[in-house]
């Protein structure tokens, strides 16, 4: 089933019928979409629709909207982070320039919004469904922006609590996952009880996804993960591991780690020294347990649905994310 739905998403993206001109606007859009990615969000939209008794094909416009929105956020993230690569390829801001990346991202956002017009124009859907799909979509945009703002604020803060960090990733990472599921549910005409379960699945799996991403930065295979081991440490990023380590460490350990995390040019030996501190403080194992806890609660919420092939597929998808190496 997953392959059929994946093919449906790919076909939908291929048929977006993007204009050929201006070349400087639409070529980067095609480039971004062609690079691919996991396409988790549109897949969840289709599966969420099927899970609630709807036809996944009818959720395709919503799925395309969330994928376009996701890519829009990535273009802007890469500019803010001064990222040079995305999915193993040069980022749009590097291959072209910042201005081009901003404009191409903006047109993707506009196109994402237009995809949702399908639900306002089709007699199969009520005005309330159309309004709710748009509301959830725009709420997700606002929430992602708020999460990004918190993330930027953290860069200048000496200490960040785990509670604040979890709030940030719930906003920045989980918001679009839960919106994807809920939009699919609304297409299917799901009642509020099911929409609440979809919200919980998306929130918990999104938080787990980011915690695991933090973990893979330290324990992942760089050839599979596509990043330098300890890249977050080298950049002095606030992660679940660094925040927990600073919380658990002695004054001496905190000072030692903070000195490295503040540096601009961190060498590999210093990265390994921080990772050794993580191991000594049992931070790696506790982070792994935290990711598992959130995934378990996502699966628990999924248990509120009756058995179906869509429920099984979402369970498999969440388990694959749990075991991923990149």
C-alpha atoms as a PDB file:
ATOM      1  CA  UNK A   1       0.000   0.000   0.000  1.00  0.00           C
ATOM      2  CA  UNK A   2       2.715   2.477   0.957  1.00  0.00           C
ATOM      3  CA  UNK A   3       4.270   2.183  -2.499  1.00  0.00           C
ATOM      4  CA  UNK A   4       0.910   2.884  -4.161  1.00  0.00           C
ATOM      5  CA  UNK A   5       0.364   5.959  -2.014  1.00  0.00           C
ATOM      6  CA  UNK A   6       3.950   7.083  -2.585  1.00  0.00           C
ATOM      7  CA  UNK A   7       3.402   6.770  -6.334  1.00  0.00           C
ATOM      8  CA  UNK A   8       0.203   8.799  -5.977  1.00  0.00           C
ATOM      9  CA  UNK A   9       2.123  11.596  -4.222  1.00  0.00           C
ATOM     10  CA  UNK A  10       4.924  11.549  -6.788  1.00  0.00           C
ATOM     11  CA  UNK A  11       2.438  11.668  -9.655  1.00  0.00           C
ATOM     12  CA  UNK A  12       0.588  14.542  -7.994  1.00  0.00           C
ATOM     13  CA  UNK A  13       3.784  16.546  -7.585  1.00  0.00           C
ATOM     14  CA  UNK A  14       4.771  15.830 -11.194  1.00  0.00           C
ATOM     15  CA  UNK A  15       1.409  17.135 -12.358  1.00  0.00           C
ATOM     16  CA  UNK A  16       1.541  20.441 -10.503  1.00  0.00           C
ATOM     17  CA  UNK A  17       1.936  22.127 -13.898  1.00  0.00           C
ATOM     18  CA  UNK A  18       4.343  24.781 -12.695  1.00  0.00           C
ATOM     19  CA  UNK A  19       5.019  27.625 -15.163  1.00  0.00           C
ATOM     20  CA  UNK A  20       8.295  27.596 -17.057  1.00  0.00           C
ATOM     21  CA  UNK A  21       8.904  31.307 -16.501  1.00  0.00           C
ATOM     22  CA  UNK A  22      10.295  33.196 -14.749  1.00  0.00           C
ATOM     23  CA  UNK A  23      13.026  30.572 -14.851  1.00  0.00           C
ATOM     24  CA  UNK A  24      14.744  32.035 -11.779  1.00  0.00           C
ATOM     25  CA  UNK A  25      11.531  31.526  -9.776  1.00  0.00           C
ATOM     26  CA  UNK A  26      10.322  28.100 -10.847  1.00  0.00           C
ATOM     27  CA  UNK A  27      13.544  26.238 -11.593  1.00  0.00           C
ATOM     28  CA  UNK A  28      14.524  26.252  -7.879  1.00  0.00           C
ATOM     29  CA  UNK A  29      11.018  25.003  -7.015  1.00  0.00           C
ATOM     30  CA  UNK A  30      11.392  22.052  -9.378  1.00  0.00           C
ATOM     31  CA  UNK A  31      14.897  21.447  -8.043  1.00  0.00           C
ATOM     32  CA  UNK A  32      13.670  21.378  -4.432  1.00  0.00           C
ATOM     33  CA  UNK A  33      10.832  18.971  -5.175  1.00  0.00           C
ATOM     34  CA  UNK A  34      13.021  16.724  -7.356  1.00  0.00           C
ATOM     35  CA  UNK A  35      15.583  16.234  -4.578  1.00  0.00           C
ATOM     36  CA  UNK A  36      12.878  14.217  -2.866  1.00  0.00           C
ATOM     37  CA  UNK A  37      13.009  13.385   0.821  1.00  0.00           C
ATOM     38  CA  UNK A  38      11.033  10.990   2.980  1.00  0.00           C
ATOM     39  CA  UNK A  39       7.641  12.542   2.053  1.00  0.00           C
ATOM     40  CA  UNK A  40       6.392  11.574   5.507  1.00  0.00           C
ATOM     41  CA  UNK A  41       3.890  14.427   5.789  1.00  0.00           C
ATOM     42  CA  UNK A  42       1.908  13.848   2.597  1.00  0.00           C
ATOM     43  CA  UNK A  43       1.952  10.113   3.323  1.00  0.00           C
ATOM     44  CA  UNK A  44       0.434  10.781   6.754  1.00  0.00           C
ATOM     45  CA  UNK A  45      -2.271  12.919   5.145  1.00  0.00           C
ATOM     46  CA  UNK A  46      -3.322  10.073   2.869  1.00  0.00           C
ATOM     47  CA  UNK A  47      -3.070   7.473   5.636  1.00  0.00           C
ATOM     48  CA  UNK A  48      -4.950   9.696   8.089  1.00  0.00           C
ATOM     49  CA  UNK A  49      -7.795   9.953   5.595  1.00  0.00           C
ATOM     50  CA  UNK A  50      -7.924   6.201   5.091  1.00  0.00           C
ATOM     51  CA  UNK A  51      -7.652   5.577   8.826  1.00  0.00           C
ATOM     52  CA  UNK A  52     -10.836   7.622   9.361  1.00  0.00           C
ATOM     53  CA  UNK A  53     -12.769   5.790   6.658  1.00  0.00           C
ATOM     54  CA  UNK A  54     -12.174   8.097   3.719  1.00  0.00           C
ATOM     55  CA  UNK A  55     -10.680   7.589   0.273  1.00  0.00           C
ATOM     56  CA  UNK A  56      -6.962   8.549   0.346  1.00  0.00           C
ATOM     57  CA  UNK A  57      -7.103   9.825  -3.234  1.00  0.00           C
ATOM     58  CA  UNK A  58      -9.488  12.563  -2.107  1.00  0.00           C
ATOM     59  CA  UNK A  59      -6.855  13.767   0.363  1.00  0.00           C
ATOM     60  CA  UNK A  60      -4.202  14.185  -2.340  1.00  0.00           C
ATOM     61  CA  UNK A  61      -4.638  17.986  -2.718  1.00  0.00           C
ATOM     62  CA  UNK A  62      -4.156  18.344   1.051  1.00  0.00           C
ATOM     63  CA  UNK A  63      -1.137  16.023   0.890  1.00  0.00           C
ATOM     64  CA  UNK A  64       0.437  18.096  -1.884  1.00  0.00           C
ATOM     65  CA  UNK A  65      -0.260  21.257   0.121  1.00  0.00           C
ATOM     66  CA  UNK A  66       1.607  19.981   3.203  1.00  0.00           C
ATOM     67  CA  UNK A  67       4.548  18.780   1.089  1.00  0.00           C
ATOM     68  CA  UNK A  68       4.812  22.158  -0.642  1.00  0.00           C
ATOM     69  CA  UNK A  69       4.548  23.896   2.712  1.00  0.00           C
ATOM     70  CA  UNK A  70       7.250  21.658   4.191  1.00  0.00           C
ATOM     71  CA  UNK A  71       9.622  22.448   1.327  1.00  0.00           C
ATOM     72  CA  UNK A  72       8.843  26.150   1.716  1.00  0.00           C
ATOM     73  CA  UNK A  73       9.949  25.987   5.362  1.00  0.00           C
ATOM     74  CA  UNK A  74      13.139  24.117   4.391  1.00  0.00           C
ATOM     75  CA  UNK A  75      14.171  26.821   1.919  1.00  0.00           C
ATOM     76  CA  UNK A  76      13.771  29.492   4.569  1.00  0.00           C
ATOM     77  CA  UNK A  77      15.432  27.344   7.255  1.00  0.00           C
ATOM     78  CA  UNK A  78      18.495  26.873   5.052  1.00  0.00           C
ATOM     79  CA  UNK A  79      18.837  30.628   4.648  1.00  0.00           C
ATOM     80  CA  UNK A  80      18.592  31.237   8.396  1.00  0.00           C
ATOM     81  CA  UNK A  81      20.961  28.373   9.217  1.00  0.00           C
ATOM     82  CA  UNK A  82      23.371  29.261   6.368  1.00  0.00           C
ATOM     83  CA  UNK A  83      23.088  25.598   5.352  1.00  0.00           C
ATOM     84  CA  UNK A  84      25.104  24.580   2.328  1.00  0.00           C
ATOM     85  CA  UNK A  85      23.390  21.276   1.599  1.00  0.00           C
ATOM     86  CA  UNK A  86      19.918  19.803   1.773  1.00  0.00           C
ATOM     87  CA  UNK A  87      19.293  16.071   1.309  1.00  0.00           C
ATOM     88  CA  UNK A  88      22.861  15.638   0.112  1.00  0.00           C
ATOM     89  CA  UNK A  89      22.574  18.301  -2.606  1.00  0.00           C
ATOM     90  CA  UNK A  90      23.504  22.010  -2.631  1.00  0.00           C
ATOM     91  CA  UNK A  91      20.816  24.060  -0.900  1.00  0.00           C
ATOM     92  CA  UNK A  92      18.842  26.516  -3.044  1.00  0.00           C
ATOM     93  CA  UNK A  93      20.441  29.513  -1.324  1.00  0.00           C
ATOM     94  CA  UNK A  94      23.882  28.153  -2.281  1.00  0.00           C
ATOM     95  CA  UNK A  95      23.043  26.904  -5.779  1.00  0.00           C
ATOM     96  CA  UNK A  96      21.352  30.231  -6.545  1.00  0.00           C
ATOM     97  CA  UNK A  97      21.224  32.899  -3.786  1.00  0.00           C
ATOM     98  CA  UNK A  98      19.222  34.001  -0.755  1.00  0.00           C
ATOM     99  CA  UNK A  99      16.846  36.217  -2.701  1.00  0.00           C
ATOM    100  CA  UNK A 100      15.997  33.431  -5.119  1.00  0.00           C
ATOM    101  CA  UNK A 101      15.434  30.995  -2.254  1.00  0.00           C
ATOM    102  CA  UNK A 102      13.078  33.431  -0.509  1.00  0.00           C
ATOM    103  CA  UNK A 103      11.009  34.055  -3.640  1.00  0.00           C
ATOM    104  CA  UNK A 104      10.863  30.382  -4.607  1.00  0.00           C
ATOM    105  CA  UNK A 105       9.811  29.469  -1.095  1.00  0.00           C
ATOM    106  CA  UNK A 106       7.102  32.122  -1.151  1.00  0.00           C
ATOM    107  CA  UNK A 107       5.649  30.847  -4.427  1.00  0.00           C
ATOM    108  CA  UNK A 108       5.600  27.304  -3.003  1.00  0.00           C
ATOM    109  CA  UNK A 109       3.587  28.615  -0.054  1.00  0.00           C
ATOM    110  CA  UNK A 110       1.136  30.295  -2.454  1.00  0.00           C
ATOM    111  CA  UNK A 111       0.822  27.130  -4.517  1.00  0.00           C
ATOM    112  CA  UNK A 112       0.248  25.076  -1.361  1.00  0.00           C
ATOM    113  CA  UNK A 113      -2.643  27.343  -0.388  1.00  0.00           C
ATOM    114  CA  UNK A 114      -4.146  27.067  -3.885  1.00  0.00           C
ATOM    115  CA  UNK A 115      -4.128  23.257  -3.676  1.00  0.00           C
ATOM    116  CA  UNK A 116      -6.647  23.505  -0.853  1.00  0.00           C
ATOM    117  CA  UNK A 117      -9.131  25.337  -3.100  1.00  0.00           C
ATOM    118  CA  UNK A 118     -10.126  21.895  -4.383  1.00  0.00           C
ATOM    119  CA  UNK A 119     -12.147  21.367  -1.199  1.00  0.00           C
ATOM    120  CA  UNK A 120     -13.983  24.651  -1.621  1.00  0.00           C
ATOM    121  CA  UNK A 121     -14.846  23.917  -5.240  1.00  0.00           C
ATOM    122  CA  UNK A 122     -15.955  20.286  -4.915  1.00  0.00           C
ATOM    123  CA  UNK A 123     -19.551  19.400  -4.020  1.00  0.00           C
ATOM    124  CA  UNK A 124     -18.237  16.386  -2.073  1.00  0.00           C
ATOM    125  CA  UNK A 125     -17.074  18.600   0.782  1.00  0.00           C
ATOM    126  CA  UNK A 126     -18.961  20.993   3.026  1.00  0.00           C
ATOM    127  CA  UNK A 127     -18.067  24.597   3.670  1.00  0.00           C
ATOM    128  CA  UNK A 128     -17.151  23.582   7.217  1.00  0.00           C
ATOM    129  CA  UNK A 129     -14.712  20.938   5.969  1.00  0.00           C
ATOM    130  CA  UNK A 130     -13.087  23.465   3.637  1.00  0.00           C
ATOM    131  CA  UNK A 131     -12.840  26.032   6.449  1.00  0.00           C
ATOM    132  CA  UNK A 132     -11.414  23.495   8.920  1.00  0.00           C
ATOM    133  CA  UNK A 133      -8.787  22.231   6.450  1.00  0.00           C
ATOM    134  CA  UNK A 134      -7.640  25.808   5.829  1.00  0.00           C
ATOM    135  CA  UNK A 135      -7.701  26.624   9.542  1.00  0.00           C
ATOM    136  CA  UNK A 136      -5.522  23.643  10.462  1.00  0.00           C
ATOM    137  CA  UNK A 137      -3.162  24.385   7.579  1.00  0.00           C
ATOM    138  CA  UNK A 138      -2.701  28.047   8.571  1.00  0.00           C
ATOM    139  CA  UNK A 139      -2.508  27.219  12.285  1.00  0.00           C
ATOM    140  CA  UNK A 140       0.373  24.885  11.425  1.00  0.00           C
ATOM    141  CA  UNK A 141       2.141  27.660   9.518  1.00  0.00           C
ATOM    142  CA  UNK A 142       1.857  30.012  12.501  1.00  0.00           C
ATOM    143  CA  UNK A 143       2.975  27.331  14.945  1.00  0.00           C
ATOM    144  CA  UNK A 144       6.012  26.352  12.858  1.00  0.00           C
ATOM    145  CA  UNK A 145       7.033  30.025  12.697  1.00  0.00           C
ATOM    146  CA  UNK A 146       6.655  30.321  16.467  1.00  0.00           C
ATOM    147  CA  UNK A 147       8.787  27.220  16.947  1.00  0.00           C
ATOM    148  CA  UNK A 148      11.471  28.621  14.665  1.00  0.00           C
ATOM    149  CA  UNK A 149      11.413  31.882  16.622  1.00  0.00           C
ATOM    150  CA  UNK A 150      11.927  29.995  19.891  1.00  0.00           C
ATOM    151  CA  UNK A 151      14.800  28.095  18.278  1.00  0.00           C
ATOM    152  CA  UNK A 152      16.449  31.356  17.222  1.00  0.00           C
ATOM    153  CA  UNK A 153      15.975  32.816  20.710  1.00  0.00           C
ATOM    154  CA  UNK A 154      17.672  29.750  22.217  1.00  0.00           C
ATOM    155  CA  UNK A 155      20.856  30.563  20.284  1.00  0.00           C
ATOM    156  CA  UNK A 156      21.509  33.612  22.477  1.00  0.00           C
ATOM    157  CA  UNK A 157      20.387  32.036  25.775  1.00  0.00           C
ATOM    158  CA  UNK A 158      22.986  30.518  28.074  1.00  0.00           C
ATOM    159  CA  UNK A 159      20.677  27.830  29.401  1.00  0.00           C
ATOM    160  CA  UNK A 160      17.450  26.313  28.101  1.00  0.00           C
ATOM    161  CA  UNK A 161      15.217  23.961  30.077  1.00  0.00           C
ATOM    162  CA  UNK A 162      14.122  20.609  28.725  1.00  0.00           C
ATOM    163  CA  UNK A 163      10.521  21.779  29.068  1.00  0.00           C
ATOM    164  CA  UNK A 164      11.177  24.801  26.843  1.00  0.00           C
ATOM    165  CA  UNK A 165      13.077  22.673  24.350  1.00  0.00           C
ATOM    166  CA  UNK A 166      10.246  20.149  24.123  1.00  0.00           C
ATOM    167  CA  UNK A 167       7.786  23.010  23.587  1.00  0.00           C
ATOM    168  CA  UNK A 168       9.961  24.352  20.785  1.00  0.00           C
ATOM    169  CA  UNK A 169      10.150  21.030  18.919  1.00  0.00           C
ATOM    170  CA  UNK A 170       6.435  20.432  19.469  1.00  0.00           C
ATOM    171  CA  UNK A 171       5.887  23.706  17.619  1.00  0.00           C
ATOM    172  CA  UNK A 172       8.647  23.527  15.003  1.00  0.00           C
ATOM    173  CA  UNK A 173       8.665  19.813  14.132  1.00  0.00           C
ATOM    174  CA  UNK A 174       5.437  18.213  15.351  1.00  0.00           C
ATOM    175  CA  UNK A 175       3.003  20.913  14.167  1.00  0.00           C
ATOM    176  CA  UNK A 176       3.091  19.915  10.515  1.00  0.00           C
ATOM    177  CA  UNK A 177       2.946  16.177  11.258  1.00  0.00           C
ATOM    178  CA  UNK A 178      -0.238  16.522  13.288  1.00  0.00           C
ATOM    179  CA  UNK A 179      -1.707  18.964  10.755  1.00  0.00           C
ATOM    180  CA  UNK A 180      -1.012  16.424   8.001  1.00  0.00           C
ATOM    181  CA  UNK A 181      -2.927  13.709   9.844  1.00  0.00           C
ATOM    182  CA  UNK A 182      -5.789  15.986  10.861  1.00  0.00           C
ATOM    183  CA  UNK A 183      -6.269  17.399   7.362  1.00  0.00           C
ATOM    184  CA  UNK A 184      -6.598  13.834   6.089  1.00  0.00           C
ATOM    185  CA  UNK A 185      -9.090  13.136   8.845  1.00  0.00           C
ATOM    186  CA  UNK A 186     -11.210  16.148   7.957  1.00  0.00           C
ATOM    187  CA  UNK A 187     -11.279  15.114   4.289  1.00  0.00           C
ATOM    188  CA  UNK A 188     -12.713  11.793   5.526  1.00  0.00           C
ATOM    189  CA  UNK A 189     -15.318  13.577   7.668  1.00  0.00           C
ATOM    190  CA  UNK A 190     -13.805  12.326  10.936  1.00  0.00           C
ATOM    191  CA  UNK A 191     -15.539  13.237  14.231  1.00  0.00           C
ATOM    192  CA  UNK A 192     -13.763  15.361  16.839  1.00  0.00           C
ATOM    193  CA  UNK A 193     -12.770  12.287  18.882  1.00  0.00           C
ATOM    194  CA  UNK A 194     -10.779  10.890  15.979  1.00  0.00           C
ATOM    195  CA  UNK A 195      -9.263  14.286  15.189  1.00  0.00           C
ATOM    196  CA  UNK A 196      -8.052  14.463  18.807  1.00  0.00           C
ATOM    197  CA  UNK A 197      -6.363  11.074  18.417  1.00  0.00           C
ATOM    198  CA  UNK A 198      -4.717  12.207  15.172  1.00  0.00           C
ATOM    199  CA  UNK A 199      -3.479  15.316  17.002  1.00  0.00           C
ATOM    200  CA  UNK A 200      -1.894  13.122  19.689  1.00  0.00           C
ATOM    201  CA  UNK A 201      -0.286  10.767  17.161  1.00  0.00           C
ATOM    202  CA  UNK A 202       1.234  13.664  15.229  1.00  0.00           C
ATOM    203  CA  UNK A 203       2.437  15.521  18.302  1.00  0.00           C
ATOM    204  CA  UNK A 204       4.095  12.576  20.035  1.00  0.00           C
ATOM    205  CA  UNK A 205       5.669  11.156  16.876  1.00  0.00           C
ATOM    206  CA  UNK A 206       6.935  14.616  15.882  1.00  0.00           C
ATOM    207  CA  UNK A 207       8.628  15.151  19.233  1.00  0.00           C
ATOM    208  CA  UNK A 208      10.126  11.666  19.091  1.00  0.00           C
ATOM    209  CA  UNK A 209      11.360  12.294  15.552  1.00  0.00           C
ATOM    210  CA  UNK A 210      13.313  15.389  16.604  1.00  0.00           C
ATOM    211  CA  UNK A 211      14.732  13.820  19.765  1.00  0.00           C
ATOM    212  CA  UNK A 212      15.930  10.895  17.672  1.00  0.00           C
ATOM    213  CA  UNK A 213      17.403  13.332  15.141  1.00  0.00           C
ATOM    214  CA  UNK A 214      19.386  14.869  18.012  1.00  0.00           C
ATOM    215  CA  UNK A 215      20.503  11.391  19.040  1.00  0.00           C
ATOM    216  CA  UNK A 216      21.575  10.362  15.533  1.00  0.00           C
ATOM    217  CA  UNK A 217      23.834  13.406  15.383  1.00  0.00           C
ATOM    218  CA  UNK A 218      25.926  11.685  18.049  1.00  0.00           C
ATOM    219  CA  UNK A 219      25.462   7.941  17.443  1.00  0.00           C
ATOM    220  CA  UNK A 220      24.467   7.785  13.764  1.00  0.00           C
ATOM    221  CA  UNK A 221      26.592   6.521  10.895  1.00  0.00           C
ATOM    222  CA  UNK A 222      27.751   9.694   9.113  1.00  0.00           C
ATOM    223  CA  UNK A 223      27.619   7.931   5.728  1.00  0.00           C
ATOM    224  CA  UNK A 224      23.942   7.111   6.271  1.00  0.00           C
ATOM    225  CA  UNK A 225      22.980  10.206   8.267  1.00  0.00           C
ATOM    226  CA  UNK A 226      24.623  12.517   5.760  1.00  0.00           C
ATOM    227  CA  UNK A 227      26.154  14.743   8.419  1.00  0.00           C
ATOM    228  CA  UNK A 228      29.360  15.059  10.391  1.00  0.00           C
ATOM    229  CA  UNK A 229      29.297  13.166  13.695  1.00  0.00           C
ATOM    230  CA  UNK A 230      28.655  15.705  16.432  1.00  0.00           C
ATOM    231  CA  UNK A 231      27.731  18.432  13.976  1.00  0.00           C
ATOM    232  CA  UNK A 232      25.294  19.907  16.488  1.00  0.00           C
ATOM    233  CA  UNK A 233      28.077  20.032  19.077  1.00  0.00           C
ATOM    234  CA  UNK A 234      30.397  21.766  16.604  1.00  0.00           C
ATOM    235  CA  UNK A 235      27.708  24.366  15.928  1.00  0.00           C
ATOM    236  CA  UNK A 236      26.885  24.806  19.616  1.00  0.00           C
ATOM    237  CA  UNK A 237      23.240  23.894  19.055  1.00  0.00           C
ATOM    238  CA  UNK A 238      20.803  23.344  21.881  1.00  0.00           C
ATOM    239  CA  UNK A 239      19.701  19.707  21.629  1.00  0.00           C
ATOM    240  CA  UNK A 240      17.973  17.259  23.938  1.00  0.00           C
ATOM    241  CA  UNK A 241      21.372  15.725  24.721  1.00  0.00           C
ATOM    242  CA  UNK A 242      23.269  18.947  25.402  1.00  0.00           C
ATOM    243  CA  UNK A 243      20.482  20.375  27.571  1.00  0.00           C
ATOM    244  CA  UNK A 244      20.185  17.153  29.575  1.00  0.00           C
ATOM    245  CA  UNK A 245      23.963  16.862  29.968  1.00  0.00           C
ATOM    246  CA  UNK A 246      24.265  20.424  31.260  1.00  0.00           C
ATOM    247  CA  UNK A 247      21.421  19.750  33.668  1.00  0.00           C
ATOM    248  CA  UNK A 248      22.935  16.524  35.030  1.00  0.00           C
ATOM    249  CA  UNK A 249      26.621  17.438  35.042  1.00  0.00           C
ATOM    250  CA  UNK A 250      28.679  18.771  37.908  1.00  0.00           C
ATOM    251  CA  UNK A 251      29.841  22.384  37.872  1.00  0.00           C
ATOM    252  CA  UNK A 252      33.155  21.253  36.412  1.00  0.00           C
ATOM    253  CA  UNK A 253      31.519  19.130  33.728  1.00  0.00           C
ATOM    254  CA  UNK A 254      29.083  21.915  32.795  1.00  0.00           C
ATOM    255  CA  UNK A 255      31.889  24.442  32.469  1.00  0.00           C
ATOM    256  CA  UNK A 256      33.936  22.051  30.349  1.00  0.00           C
ATOM    257  CA  UNK A 257      31.072  21.301  27.969  1.00  0.00           C
ATOM    258  CA  UNK A 258      29.937  24.925  27.750  1.00  0.00           C
ATOM    259  CA  UNK A 259      33.450  26.047  26.816  1.00  0.00           C
ATOM    260  CA  UNK A 260      33.405  23.684  23.840  1.00  0.00           C
ATOM    261  CA  UNK A 261      29.805  24.452  22.846  1.00  0.00           C
ATOM    262  CA  UNK A 262      30.614  28.183  22.792  1.00  0.00           C
ATOM    263  CA  UNK A 263      33.657  27.788  20.524  1.00  0.00           C
ATOM    264  CA  UNK A 264      33.490  28.720  16.855  1.00  0.00           C
ATOM    265  CA  UNK A 265      36.116  26.286  15.591  1.00  0.00           C
ATOM    266  CA  UNK A 266      35.555  22.951  17.314  1.00  0.00           C
ATOM    267  CA  UNK A 267      37.910  20.116  16.409  1.00  0.00           C
ATOM    268  CA  UNK A 268      36.988  16.427  16.307  1.00  0.00           C
ATOM    269  CA  UNK A 269      38.805  15.654  19.572  1.00  0.00           C
ATOM    270  CA  UNK A 270      36.650  18.216  21.372  1.00  0.00           C
ATOM    271  CA  UNK A 271      33.486  16.753  19.856  1.00  0.00           C
ATOM    272  CA  UNK A 272      34.512  13.307  21.064  1.00  0.00           C
ATOM    273  CA  UNK A 273      35.229  14.738  24.506  1.00  0.00           C
ATOM    274  CA  UNK A 274      31.672  16.081  24.766  1.00  0.00           C
ATOM    275  CA  UNK A 275      30.254  12.753  23.540  1.00  0.00           C
ATOM    276  CA  UNK A 276      32.284  11.017  26.246  1.00  0.00           C
ATOM    277  CA  UNK A 277      30.665  13.323  28.794  1.00  0.00           C
ATOM    278  CA  UNK A 278      27.264  12.361  27.388  1.00  0.00           C
ATOM    279  CA  UNK A 279      28.147   8.701  27.878  1.00  0.00           C
ATOM    280  CA  UNK A 280      29.474   9.242  31.382  1.00  0.00           C
ATOM    281  CA  UNK A 281      26.272  11.061  32.370  1.00  0.00           C
ATOM    282  CA  UNK A 282      24.070   8.368  30.747  1.00  0.00           C
ATOM    283  CA  UNK A 283      22.607  11.073  28.521  1.00  0.00           C
ATOM    284  CA  UNK A 284      22.632   8.975  25.344  1.00  0.00           C
ATOM    285  CA  UNK A 285      20.590   6.188  26.928  1.00  0.00           C
ATOM    286  CA  UNK A 286      18.151   8.628  28.557  1.00  0.00           C
ATOM    287  CA  UNK A 287      17.669  10.405  25.230  1.00  0.00           C
ATOM    288  CA  UNK A 288      16.970   7.083  23.536  1.00  0.00           C
ATOM    289  CA  UNK A 289      14.377   6.315  26.221  1.00  0.00           C
ATOM    290  CA  UNK A 290      12.773   9.744  25.795  1.00  0.00           C
ATOM    291  CA  UNK A 291      12.346   9.167  22.058  1.00  0.00           C
ATOM    292  CA  UNK A 292      10.876   5.715  22.727  1.00  0.00           C
ATOM    293  CA  UNK A 293       8.470   7.132  25.313  1.00  0.00           C
ATOM    294  CA  UNK A 294       7.004   9.596  22.845  1.00  0.00           C
ATOM    295  CA  UNK A 295       6.792   6.991  20.084  1.00  0.00           C
ATOM    296  CA  UNK A 296       5.034   4.597  22.476  1.00  0.00           C
ATOM    297  CA  UNK A 297       2.436   7.263  23.257  1.00  0.00           C
ATOM    298  CA  UNK A 298       1.901   7.873  19.536  1.00  0.00           C
ATOM    299  CA  UNK A 299       1.236   4.142  19.078  1.00  0.00           C
ATOM    300  CA  UNK A 300      -1.062   4.207  22.113  1.00  0.00           C
ATOM    301  CA  UNK A 301      -3.156   6.971  20.511  1.00  0.00           C
ATOM    302  CA  UNK A 302      -3.223   5.004  17.256  1.00  0.00           C
ATOM    303  CA  UNK A 303      -4.748   2.147  19.266  1.00  0.00           C
ATOM    304  CA  UNK A 304      -7.913   4.238  19.603  1.00  0.00           C
ATOM    305  CA  UNK A 305      -8.784   3.424  15.976  1.00  0.00           C
ATOM    306  CA  UNK A 306     -10.397   0.241  14.720  1.00  0.00           C
ATOM    307  CA  UNK A 307      -8.201  -2.229  12.896  1.00  0.00           C
ATOM    308  CA  UNK A 308      -7.535  -1.480   9.242  1.00  0.00           C
ATOM    309  CA  UNK A 309      -4.795  -1.644   6.652  1.00  0.00           C
ATOM    310  CA  UNK A 310      -4.253   2.089   7.173  1.00  0.00           C
ATOM    311  CA  UNK A 311      -3.762   1.630  10.912  1.00  0.00           C
ATOM    312  CA  UNK A 312      -1.210  -1.099  10.221  1.00  0.00           C
ATOM    313  CA  UNK A 313       0.568   1.094   7.680  1.00  0.00           C
ATOM    314  CA  UNK A 314       0.825   4.039  10.097  1.00  0.00           C
ATOM    315  CA  UNK A 315       2.170   1.668  12.757  1.00  0.00           C
ATOM    316  CA  UNK A 316       4.793   0.387  10.311  1.00  0.00           C
ATOM    317  CA  UNK A 317       5.694   3.936   9.320  1.00  0.00           C
ATOM    318  CA  UNK A 318       6.145   5.031  12.936  1.00  0.00           C
ATOM    319  CA  UNK A 319       8.222   1.943  13.691  1.00  0.00           C
ATOM    320  CA  UNK A 320      10.446   2.613  10.678  1.00  0.00           C
ATOM    321  CA  UNK A 321      10.971   6.187  11.894  1.00  0.00           C
ATOM    322  CA  UNK A 322      11.835   4.809  15.317  1.00  0.00           C
ATOM    323  CA  UNK A 323      14.505   2.518  13.852  1.00  0.00           C
ATOM    324  CA  UNK A 324      15.802   4.885  11.186  1.00  0.00           C
ATOM    325  CA  UNK A 325      19.513   5.548  10.795  1.00  0.00           C
ATOM    326  CA  UNK A 326      19.183   8.861   8.935  1.00  0.00           C
END
